[in-house]
Protein backbone atom coordinates (compact mmCIF):
# COMPACT_ATOMS: atom_id res chain seq x y z
CA MET A 1 12.37 -10.46 -5.40
CA THR A 2 14.71 -7.60 -6.16
CA GLY A 3 15.09 -3.96 -5.84
CA PRO A 4 16.07 -1.02 -8.18
CA GLY A 5 19.10 -1.80 -10.35
CA THR A 6 19.90 -5.25 -11.62
CA TYR A 7 20.43 -7.16 -8.40
CA GLY A 8 22.37 -9.93 -10.11
CA ASP A 9 20.40 -9.83 -13.45
CA THR A 10 22.12 -8.94 -16.67
CA PRO A 11 22.40 -5.14 -16.72
CA ARG A 12 20.10 -3.57 -19.26
CA THR A 13 18.81 -0.09 -20.00
CA PRO A 14 15.62 0.30 -17.91
CA ARG A 15 12.36 0.27 -20.06
CA THR A 16 9.10 1.58 -19.32
CA PRO A 17 6.56 -1.13 -19.16
CA ARG A 18 4.36 -1.64 -22.33
CA THR A 19 1.16 -0.72 -20.55
CA LEU A 20 2.38 2.88 -19.52
CA ARG A 21 4.15 3.19 -22.89
CA THR A 22 0.77 2.60 -24.52
CA LEU A 23 -0.86 4.98 -22.18
CA ARG A 24 1.80 7.68 -22.92
CA GLY A 25 1.28 7.09 -26.73
CA ASP A 26 4.72 5.80 -27.27
CA VAL A 27 3.61 2.49 -28.91
CA ASN A 28 1.14 4.07 -31.48
CA ALA A 29 2.77 7.29 -32.81
CA ASN A 30 -0.22 8.07 -34.75
CA ASP A 31 -2.55 8.28 -31.92
CA GLY A 32 -4.33 11.56 -31.93
CA ASP A 33 -4.35 11.93 -28.13
CA ASP A 34 -0.59 12.51 -28.12
CA ALA A 35 -1.16 16.19 -28.93
CA ASN A 36 -3.08 16.60 -25.73
CA GLY A 37 -0.38 14.90 -23.66
CA GLY A 38 0.65 16.17 -20.29
CA ASP A 39 4.04 17.23 -19.14
CA ASP A 40 5.05 13.60 -18.55
CA GLY A 41 3.75 12.30 -21.95
CA VAL A 42 0.66 10.72 -20.65
CA PRO A 43 -2.25 11.62 -22.91
CA ARG A 44 -4.89 13.55 -20.87
CA GLY A 45 -7.80 11.86 -22.56
CA ARG A 46 -6.56 8.39 -21.35
CA THR A 47 -5.68 9.79 -18.01
CA ARG A 48 -9.30 11.04 -17.53
CA ALA A 49 -10.76 7.72 -18.71
CA LEU A 50 -8.40 5.73 -16.24
CA THR A 51 -9.48 7.97 -13.36
CA VAL A 52 -13.07 7.50 -14.16
CA ALA A 53 -12.55 3.79 -14.31
CA ALA A 54 -10.71 3.85 -11.05
CA VAL A 55 -13.32 5.90 -9.30
CA ALA A 56 -15.93 3.41 -10.47
CA LEU A 57 -13.94 0.36 -9.35
CA LEU A 58 -13.27 2.05 -5.85
CA ALA A 59 -17.01 2.96 -5.58
CA LEU A 60 -18.04 -0.62 -6.44
CA SER A 61 -15.54 -2.01 -4.12
CA LEU A 62 -16.74 0.09 -1.26
CA ALA A 63 -20.26 -0.63 -1.88
CA ALA A 64 -19.62 -4.36 -1.98
CA PHE A 65 -17.69 -4.21 1.26
CA ALA A 66 -20.47 -2.16 2.96
CA ALA A 67 -23.14 -4.69 1.80
CA LEU A 68 -21.08 -7.49 3.19
CA CYS A 69 -20.74 -5.74 6.45
CA LEU A 70 -24.57 -5.33 6.74
CA VAL A 71 -25.13 -8.87 5.85
CA GLN A 72 -22.46 -10.37 8.11
CA ARG A 73 -22.60 -7.76 10.88
CA PHE A 74 -18.99 -8.18 11.75
CA PRO A 75 -18.31 -7.52 15.51
CA MET A 76 -15.35 -5.39 14.94
CA ALA A 77 -13.92 -6.94 18.21
CA ASP A 78 -10.82 -4.86 18.34
CA VAL A 79 -12.83 -1.50 18.31
CA LEU A 80 -14.49 -2.86 21.48
CA VAL A 81 -11.12 -3.37 23.11
CA TYR A 82 -9.97 0.00 22.22
CA ARG A 83 -13.08 1.55 23.46
CA ALA A 84 -12.78 -0.21 26.61
CA GLU A 85 -9.13 1.03 26.98
CA GLY A 86 -10.22 4.55 26.48
CA ARG A 87 -13.05 4.14 29.02
CA ALA A 88 -10.66 2.72 31.61
CA VAL A 89 -8.35 5.73 31.16
CA ALA A 90 -11.35 8.24 31.27
CA GLN A 91 -12.82 6.55 34.32
CA GLY A 92 -9.47 5.72 36.24
CA THR A 93 -10.15 1.92 36.28
CA ASP A 94 -7.66 -0.82 35.97
CA LEU A 95 -6.30 -0.68 32.29
CA TYR A 96 -5.01 -4.43 32.23
CA GLY A 97 -7.59 -5.91 34.53
CA PHE A 98 -10.53 -6.16 32.16
CA THR A 99 -11.68 -8.45 29.17
CA VAL A 100 -14.31 -7.73 26.51
CA THR A 101 -16.27 -9.63 24.01
CA GLU A 102 -17.09 -13.30 23.95
CA TRP A 103 -13.33 -13.97 23.31
CA LYS A 104 -12.44 -12.35 26.67
CA LEU A 105 -9.94 -9.89 24.96
CA PRO A 106 -7.70 -7.88 27.25
CA ALA A 107 -5.73 -4.60 26.71
CA THR A 108 -2.21 -5.49 25.15
CA TYR A 109 -0.91 -2.14 24.11
CA PRO A 110 1.27 0.34 26.07
CA PRO A 111 -0.52 3.05 28.25
CA PHE A 112 0.15 5.76 25.55
CA ALA A 113 -2.15 3.69 23.08
CA ALA A 114 -4.94 3.69 25.72
CA ILE A 115 -4.71 7.61 26.02
CA LEU A 116 -5.12 7.95 22.33
CA PHE A 117 -8.22 5.70 22.47
CA VAL A 118 -10.16 8.04 24.93
CA PRO A 119 -11.88 9.79 21.95
CA THR A 120 -13.42 6.32 20.94
CA THR A 121 -15.78 6.82 24.10
CA TRP A 122 -17.21 10.03 22.64
CA LEU A 123 -19.16 8.12 19.82
CA SER A 124 -21.87 5.68 19.92
CA LEU A 125 -20.70 2.09 19.20
CA PRO A 126 -22.39 2.01 15.74
CA ALA A 127 -20.88 5.39 14.72
CA LEU A 128 -17.51 4.40 15.97
CA LYS A 129 -17.62 1.19 13.75
CA VAL A 130 -18.50 3.33 10.70
CA ALA A 131 -15.64 5.81 11.61
CA PHE A 132 -13.14 3.05 11.96
CA ALA A 133 -14.20 1.39 8.65
CA LEU A 134 -14.10 4.59 6.72
CA GLY A 135 -10.71 5.64 8.45
CA ASN A 136 -9.13 2.57 7.61
CA ALA A 137 -10.24 2.90 3.91
CA ALA A 138 -8.74 6.23 3.93
CA LEU A 139 -5.50 4.93 5.52
CA LEU A 140 -5.29 2.26 2.78
CA ALA A 141 -5.32 4.88 0.07
CA LEU A 142 -2.57 6.72 2.10
CA LEU A 143 -0.53 3.63 2.31
CA VAL A 144 -0.83 3.11 -1.56
CA HIS A 145 0.30 6.64 -1.95
CA LEU A 146 3.32 6.11 0.47
CA SER A 147 4.11 2.84 -1.52
CA LEU A 148 4.46 4.87 -4.63
CA ARG A 149 6.74 7.23 -2.87
CA LEU A 150 8.72 4.35 -1.70
CA THR A 151 9.18 3.28 -5.36
CA ASP A 152 9.93 6.74 -6.77
CA ALA A 153 13.69 6.16 -6.66
CA GLY A 154 13.64 3.19 -8.86
CA PRO A 155 14.05 3.10 -12.52
CA ARG A 156 10.34 2.34 -13.18
CA PRO A 157 8.30 4.95 -11.15
CA VAL A 158 4.57 5.45 -11.94
CA PRO A 159 4.21 8.64 -13.82
CA PRO A 160 2.76 11.64 -11.96
CA ALA A 161 -0.32 11.76 -14.26
CA LEU A 162 -1.25 8.03 -13.46
CA ARG A 163 -0.77 8.20 -9.65
CA LEU A 164 -4.48 9.32 -9.03
CA PRO A 165 -5.94 6.43 -10.99
CA VAL A 166 -3.34 4.09 -9.51
CA VAL A 167 -4.14 5.14 -5.80
CA LEU A 168 -7.97 4.83 -6.60
CA ALA A 169 -7.87 1.41 -8.30
CA ALA A 170 -5.31 0.02 -5.99
CA THR A 171 -7.36 1.11 -2.90
CA GLY A 172 -10.39 -0.58 -4.42
CA ALA A 173 -8.64 -3.72 -5.08
CA GLY A 174 -6.52 -3.69 -1.93
CA LEU A 175 -9.75 -3.78 0.19
CA TRP A 176 -9.99 -7.58 -0.62
CA LEU A 177 -6.57 -8.39 0.35
CA GLU A 178 -6.85 -10.64 3.37
CA PRO A 179 -4.54 -8.70 5.69
CA VAL A 180 -6.33 -5.47 4.77
CA PHE A 181 -9.88 -6.87 4.79
CA GLN A 182 -9.28 -8.38 8.34
CA THR A 183 -7.90 -5.10 9.46
CA LEU A 184 -11.23 -3.44 8.28
CA VAL A 185 -13.63 -6.13 9.83
CA PHE A 186 -11.69 -6.25 13.08
CA GLY A 187 -11.32 -2.51 13.34
CA GLN A 188 -7.57 -2.76 13.81
CA ILE A 189 -4.91 -0.05 13.79
CA ASN A 190 -2.38 -1.89 11.49
CA LEU A 191 -2.86 0.58 8.63
CA ALA A 192 -2.31 3.70 10.78
CA LEU A 193 1.00 2.11 12.09
CA ALA A 194 2.14 1.21 8.63
CA CYS A 195 1.48 4.72 7.35
CA LEU A 196 3.16 6.30 10.42
CA VAL A 197 6.42 4.27 9.59
CA LEU A 198 6.33 4.50 5.85
CA TRP A 199 5.76 8.29 5.93
CA ASP A 200 8.74 8.72 8.15
CA LEU A 201 10.91 6.47 6.09
CA THR A 202 10.09 8.07 2.76
CA ARG A 203 11.06 11.45 3.91
CA PRO A 204 14.49 12.76 2.95
CA ASP A 205 17.28 11.75 5.44
CA GLY A 206 17.79 15.40 6.33
CA ALA A 207 14.22 16.08 7.16
CA ARG A 208 13.56 17.79 10.43
CA GLY A 209 12.24 15.38 13.09
CA LYS A 210 12.74 12.30 10.88
CA GLY A 211 12.41 9.18 13.12
CA LEU A 212 10.00 10.82 15.50
CA ALA A 213 6.85 9.06 13.82
CA ILE A 214 8.61 5.76 13.97
CA GLY A 215 9.14 6.16 17.88
CA VAL A 216 5.40 7.25 18.19
CA ALA A 217 4.44 4.10 16.25
CA ALA A 218 6.57 2.05 18.65
CA GLY A 219 4.88 3.67 21.68
CA ILE A 220 1.57 2.58 20.42
CA LYS A 221 2.71 -0.85 19.59
CA LEU A 222 6.23 -2.07 20.20
CA THR A 223 6.89 -3.97 16.95
CA PRO A 224 7.79 -0.81 14.92
CA ALA A 225 10.72 -0.25 17.07
CA ILE A 226 12.71 -2.57 14.74
CA PHE A 227 12.69 0.35 12.22
CA ALA A 228 14.77 2.42 14.54
CA VAL A 229 17.36 -0.32 14.65
CA TYR A 230 17.29 -0.43 10.86
CA LEU A 231 18.04 3.49 10.91
CA LEU A 232 20.82 2.89 13.16
CA LEU A 233 22.41 -0.04 11.03
CA THR A 234 22.07 2.17 8.04
CA GLY A 235 24.15 5.08 9.39
CA ARG A 236 21.29 7.33 10.01
CA LEU A 237 22.11 8.01 13.69
CA ARG A 238 20.23 11.23 13.90
CA ALA A 239 16.96 9.57 12.64
CA ALA A 240 17.42 6.79 15.02
CA LEU A 241 17.82 9.12 18.02
CA GLY A 242 14.78 10.83 16.66
CA ALA A 243 12.88 7.55 16.88
CA LEU A 244 14.23 6.96 20.48
CA ALA A 245 13.04 10.49 21.44
CA GLY A 246 9.73 9.89 20.03
CA PHE A 247 9.37 6.66 21.93
CA ALA A 248 10.62 8.12 25.18
CA ALA A 249 7.96 10.82 24.82
CA THR A 250 5.23 8.32 24.72
CA VAL A 251 6.53 6.45 27.72
CA ALA A 252 6.81 9.74 29.54
CA LEU A 253 3.40 10.74 28.75
CA GLY A 254 1.93 7.38 29.62
CA ALA A 255 3.78 7.43 32.97
CA LEU A 256 2.55 10.92 33.76
CA VAL A 257 -1.14 10.30 33.03
CA LEU A 258 -1.22 6.55 34.04
CA PRO A 259 1.69 5.93 36.43
CA GLY A 260 0.25 2.62 37.87
CA ALA A 261 -0.65 1.23 34.55
CA SER A 262 2.67 2.21 33.08
CA TRP A 263 4.52 0.42 35.93
CA ASP A 264 2.30 -2.76 35.47
CA PHE A 265 2.93 -2.72 31.63
CA TRP A 266 6.67 -2.11 31.47
CA THR A 267 7.49 -4.34 34.19
CA ARG A 268 5.09 -7.29 33.71
CA ARG A 269 2.45 -7.14 30.98
CA MET A 270 4.77 -6.51 28.07
CA PHE A 271 6.31 -10.07 28.73
CA GLU A 272 2.94 -11.98 28.88
CA THR A 273 2.64 -12.90 25.38
CA SER A 274 -0.15 -15.33 26.29
CA ARG A 275 -2.30 -12.42 26.78
CA VAL A 276 -2.21 -11.69 23.11
CA GLY A 277 -3.48 -15.16 22.12
CA LYS A 278 -2.60 -18.74 21.30
CA ALA A 279 0.70 -18.73 19.25
CA TRP A 280 -0.23 -22.09 17.48
CA ILE A 281 -3.49 -21.10 15.84
CA VAL A 282 -3.56 -20.44 12.15
CA ASP A 283 -4.45 -16.66 12.89
CA ASN A 284 -0.74 -16.38 13.92
CA GLN A 285 1.35 -15.96 10.80
CA SER A 286 4.74 -15.60 12.35
CA LEU A 287 7.68 -17.87 12.54
CA GLN A 288 6.54 -19.08 15.80
CA GLY A 289 3.17 -20.00 14.67
CA LEU A 290 4.62 -21.83 11.50
CA LEU A 291 7.01 -23.94 13.77
CA ALA A 292 4.37 -24.56 16.39
CA ARG A 293 2.16 -25.98 13.86
CA ALA A 294 4.78 -27.94 11.91
CA ALA A 295 6.07 -29.36 15.22
CA HIS A 296 2.53 -30.19 16.55
CA THR A 297 3.48 -28.54 19.83
CA PRO A 298 1.77 -25.39 21.42
CA GLU A 299 5.15 -24.49 23.09
CA PRO A 300 7.89 -24.63 20.56
CA GLY A 301 10.54 -23.08 22.96
CA LEU A 302 14.07 -23.17 21.43
CA LEU A 303 12.63 -24.77 18.35
CA TRP A 304 11.39 -21.26 17.77
CA LEU A 305 13.83 -19.06 19.56
CA VAL A 306 16.95 -20.29 17.89
CA PRO A 307 15.58 -19.89 14.34
CA ALA A 308 14.02 -16.51 15.29
CA ALA A 309 17.29 -15.24 16.44
CA LEU A 310 19.20 -16.53 13.39
CA VAL A 311 16.47 -15.08 11.12
CA GLY A 312 16.56 -11.72 13.08
CA LEU A 313 20.31 -11.25 12.87
CA ALA A 314 20.64 -12.45 9.23
CA GLY A 315 17.65 -10.25 8.28
CA LEU A 316 19.02 -7.11 9.76
CA ALA A 317 22.25 -7.64 7.81
CA LEU A 318 20.31 -8.21 4.75
CA ALA A 319 18.31 -5.08 5.41
CA ARG A 320 21.54 -2.98 5.59
CA ARG A 321 22.90 -4.66 2.50
CA ALA A 322 19.65 -4.02 0.67
CA TYR A 323 19.83 -0.37 1.66
CA VAL A 324 23.36 0.06 0.39
CA ARG A 325 22.56 -1.59 -2.93
CA ASP A 326 19.41 0.45 -3.49
CA ARG A 327 21.29 3.82 -2.80
CA ALA A 328 23.88 2.73 -5.09
CA ALA A 329 21.42 1.90 -7.80
CA GLY A 330 20.33 5.55 -8.00
CA GLY A 331 18.29 6.06 -4.78
CA LYS A 332 17.60 9.75 -3.93
CA GLY A 333 16.70 11.63 -0.58
CA GLY A 334 15.57 9.41 2.05
CA TYR A 335 13.50 6.92 0.10
CA GLY A 336 16.08 5.19 -2.04
CA ASP A 337 15.78 2.06 0.23
CA ARG A 338 12.65 0.26 -0.55
CA TRP A 339 14.07 -3.16 -0.07
CA GLY A 340 15.76 -2.22 3.05
CA VAL A 341 12.52 -1.08 4.37
CA LEU A 342 10.50 -4.09 3.11
CA VAL A 343 13.16 -6.46 4.59
CA THR A 344 12.77 -4.90 7.93
CA ALA A 345 9.05 -5.08 7.71
CA LEU A 346 9.10 -8.59 6.85
CA LEU A 347 11.64 -9.46 9.50
CA ALA A 348 9.36 -7.78 12.17
CA LEU A 349 6.47 -9.90 11.05
CA LEU A 350 8.56 -13.18 11.08
CA VAL A 351 10.33 -12.83 14.50
CA SER A 352 7.45 -11.45 16.29
CA PRO A 353 6.03 -13.91 18.75
CA ILE A 354 2.55 -13.31 17.29
CA SER A 355 1.80 -11.69 13.92
CA TRP A 356 -1.92 -12.05 13.24
CA SER A 357 -2.75 -12.30 9.54
CA HIS A 358 -4.09 -8.73 9.59
CA HIS A 359 -0.60 -7.37 10.69
CA TRP A 360 0.62 -8.31 7.07
CA VAL A 361 -0.70 -5.01 5.59
CA TRP A 362 2.88 -4.45 4.51
CA CYS A 363 1.74 -6.68 1.55
CA VAL A 364 0.63 -3.35 -0.05
CA PRO A 365 4.06 -1.77 -0.49
CA LEU A 366 5.54 -5.08 -1.15
CA LEU A 367 3.31 -5.64 -4.13
CA PHE A 368 4.26 -2.20 -5.45
CA ALA A 369 7.90 -2.98 -5.13
CA LEU A 370 7.56 -6.17 -7.12
CA ALA A 371 5.42 -4.49 -9.80
CA THR A 372 8.03 -1.62 -10.38
CA SER A 373 11.11 -3.91 -10.23
CA PRO A 374 13.54 -3.62 -13.13
CA SER A 375 13.64 -7.28 -13.34
CA ARG A 376 11.05 -8.82 -15.53
CA ALA A 377 11.22 -12.21 -13.57
CA VAL A 378 10.43 -10.37 -10.37
CA ARG A 379 7.49 -8.31 -11.92
CA ARG A 380 5.98 -11.67 -12.90
CA THR A 381 5.80 -12.68 -9.34
CA THR A 382 3.50 -9.70 -8.46
CA ALA A 383 0.23 -11.45 -9.63
CA PRO A 384 1.13 -14.68 -7.86
CA VAL A 385 1.88 -12.80 -4.55
CA ALA A 386 -1.17 -10.87 -4.82
CA VAL A 387 -3.33 -14.03 -5.31
CA LEU A 388 -1.37 -15.58 -2.12
CA PHE A 389 -2.46 -12.51 -0.04
CA ALA A 390 -6.08 -12.73 -1.37
CA ALA A 391 -6.54 -16.44 -1.14
CA ARG A 392 -7.11 -16.80 2.63
CA THR A 393 -5.73 -20.46 2.54
CA MET A 394 -5.17 -20.52 6.37
CA TRP A 395 -8.89 -20.16 6.94
CA LEU A 396 -9.66 -23.16 4.68
CA VAL A 397 -7.64 -25.80 6.82
CA PRO A 398 -9.13 -27.72 9.60
CA LYS A 399 -8.94 -25.45 12.59
CA ALA A 400 -11.75 -26.17 15.01
CA GLY A 401 -10.53 -26.83 18.58
CA ASP A 402 -6.79 -27.75 18.41
CA GLN A 403 -6.85 -29.16 14.88
CA ASP A 404 -4.33 -26.44 13.98
CA LEU A 405 -1.87 -28.46 15.95
CA HIS A 406 -2.49 -31.75 13.94
CA LEU A 407 -2.44 -30.66 10.23
CA ALA A 408 -0.91 -33.05 7.81
CA TRP A 409 2.48 -31.99 6.32
CA TRP A 410 0.87 -31.07 3.00
CA LEU A 411 -1.48 -28.64 4.76
CA GLN A 412 1.35 -26.75 6.53
CA PRO A 413 2.09 -24.28 3.70
CA LEU A 414 -1.62 -23.46 3.36
CA ALA A 415 -1.73 -22.91 7.09
CA SER A 416 1.36 -20.56 7.12
CA PRO A 417 1.41 -18.84 3.70
CA TYR A 418 2.76 -15.51 4.91
CA PRO A 419 5.84 -16.63 6.90
CA VAL A 420 6.58 -19.23 4.24
CA LEU A 421 6.44 -16.22 1.60
CA GLY A 422 8.39 -14.07 4.01
CA LEU A 423 11.28 -16.50 4.36
CA LEU A 424 11.36 -17.32 0.52
CA ALA A 425 11.48 -13.63 -0.13
CA LEU A 426 14.30 -12.95 2.24
CA GLY A 427 16.14 -15.89 0.85
CA ALA A 428 15.65 -14.81 -2.72
CA LEU A 429 16.95 -11.22 -2.00
CA ALA A 430 20.02 -12.64 -0.08
CA LEU A 431 21.01 -14.61 -3.24
CA ARG A 432 20.68 -11.61 -5.43
CA LEU A 433 22.70 -9.45 -3.06
CA ARG A 434 25.41 -12.05 -2.18
CA ALA A 435 28.17 -10.42 -4.11
CA VAL A 436 27.71 -6.74 -2.83
CA ARG A 437 30.54 -5.34 -0.87
CA LEU A 438 29.44 -3.07 1.94
CA PRO A 439 31.16 -0.04 3.01
CA PHE A 440 33.09 0.10 6.40
CA PRO A 441 30.84 0.60 9.31
CA GLY A 442 29.94 4.31 9.90
CA ARG A 443 30.73 5.18 6.30
CA ALA A 444 27.55 6.48 4.87
CA PRO A 445 26.49 4.41 1.65
CA GLY A 446 26.39 6.73 -1.33
CA ARG A 447 28.74 7.50 -4.32
CA ASP A 448 31.40 5.04 -3.04
CA ALA A 449 29.03 2.15 -2.62
CA PRO A 450 29.05 -0.56 -5.25
CA SER A 451 27.38 0.23 -8.49
CA PRO A 452 24.55 -1.76 -9.82
CA GLU A 453 26.82 -3.55 -12.14
CA SER A 454 29.38 -4.48 -9.49
CA SER A 455 27.67 -7.79 -8.62
CA GLY A 456 26.40 -9.79 -11.73
């Protein structure tokens, strides 16, 4: 895995992928469509054909998903939890005292999130499920668009004329990635949180209110708060303070509307990770889940806490190093740090006590970062990584009862594909960045940061 520039590879002039060169007409100079090329050299006829094909793929994918939902009748359990939270706020009942569905699911988010869920009580349950499914499909398209923005600063951006067909086709294909698919069938909010964070991070560093959206995302679910730490470590103090302000506003609003529930959550409930679920089941694709299953213990304790602390500290240092390198390699505005952002996302998923498989929707920007890397070796990993996120191997291993805790050693990678990939990705990037010299603390990475050729 690597970012813009060479990241340890032999420096070479960036080349446009052959597929895009063919679309532009660069490969066949006699192609008659060249005369009708757009401003960026992509023949308009081919752009139209690709757009039509992408629309057909998206329509077919959505139709197949809708048919599967009708046949399987997915319960969308998380939608039921959100609706119960909204009802508790509207009716003034105990927010953290109820459980719903046959799995006895409780409310686990801060009070601010429950306030946002009040509108879910205004629709009938069937209409609400349809709204969540369609909304998540639209959010997937937005996440694809933001993933393209994240890669804009690199040497191989997608041409503007191809963005619409890429967004449409990637949305259609992305529905079947396991984290995205699970987000839709559970009615989860992972795509919304990822879009909030990525929209904020792809804005220029001087943009007004940068960081606020990250703070709001953290007020809905605590995990995105790590991106505020990332902003601080990369010298963007104003944006980090913006994130803090956004988070503080959500806490204040929650305390104003739900003072009792706020006191209950911030003093007690937020520390009860057992409320979220069992850490050792294969659904949990965090570092704790991996270690609990590998050690055959439901309570890994220090066996998890020590590695998580080490991975957390090393990962934050790596995220800052990746940011410096990306900016030195030609990053512009506020989104020349794709690998810093992705390292932080992977880090959050790894060190969180519980990261359900559907939390890994960050696989979408990760795949785009791999596909647009200047390194041919890294680009070749795109397909295998996409297959890993579509394979659903964790659902193929024995998991009835407590079988998750008694898996053979050779089944462990199949039971924990995402944390294994995350650790390998962080390790690979660390090796490529090992020779990068960082600027002094407080010095903004920019012109004086090491050039892409400084660490070969």
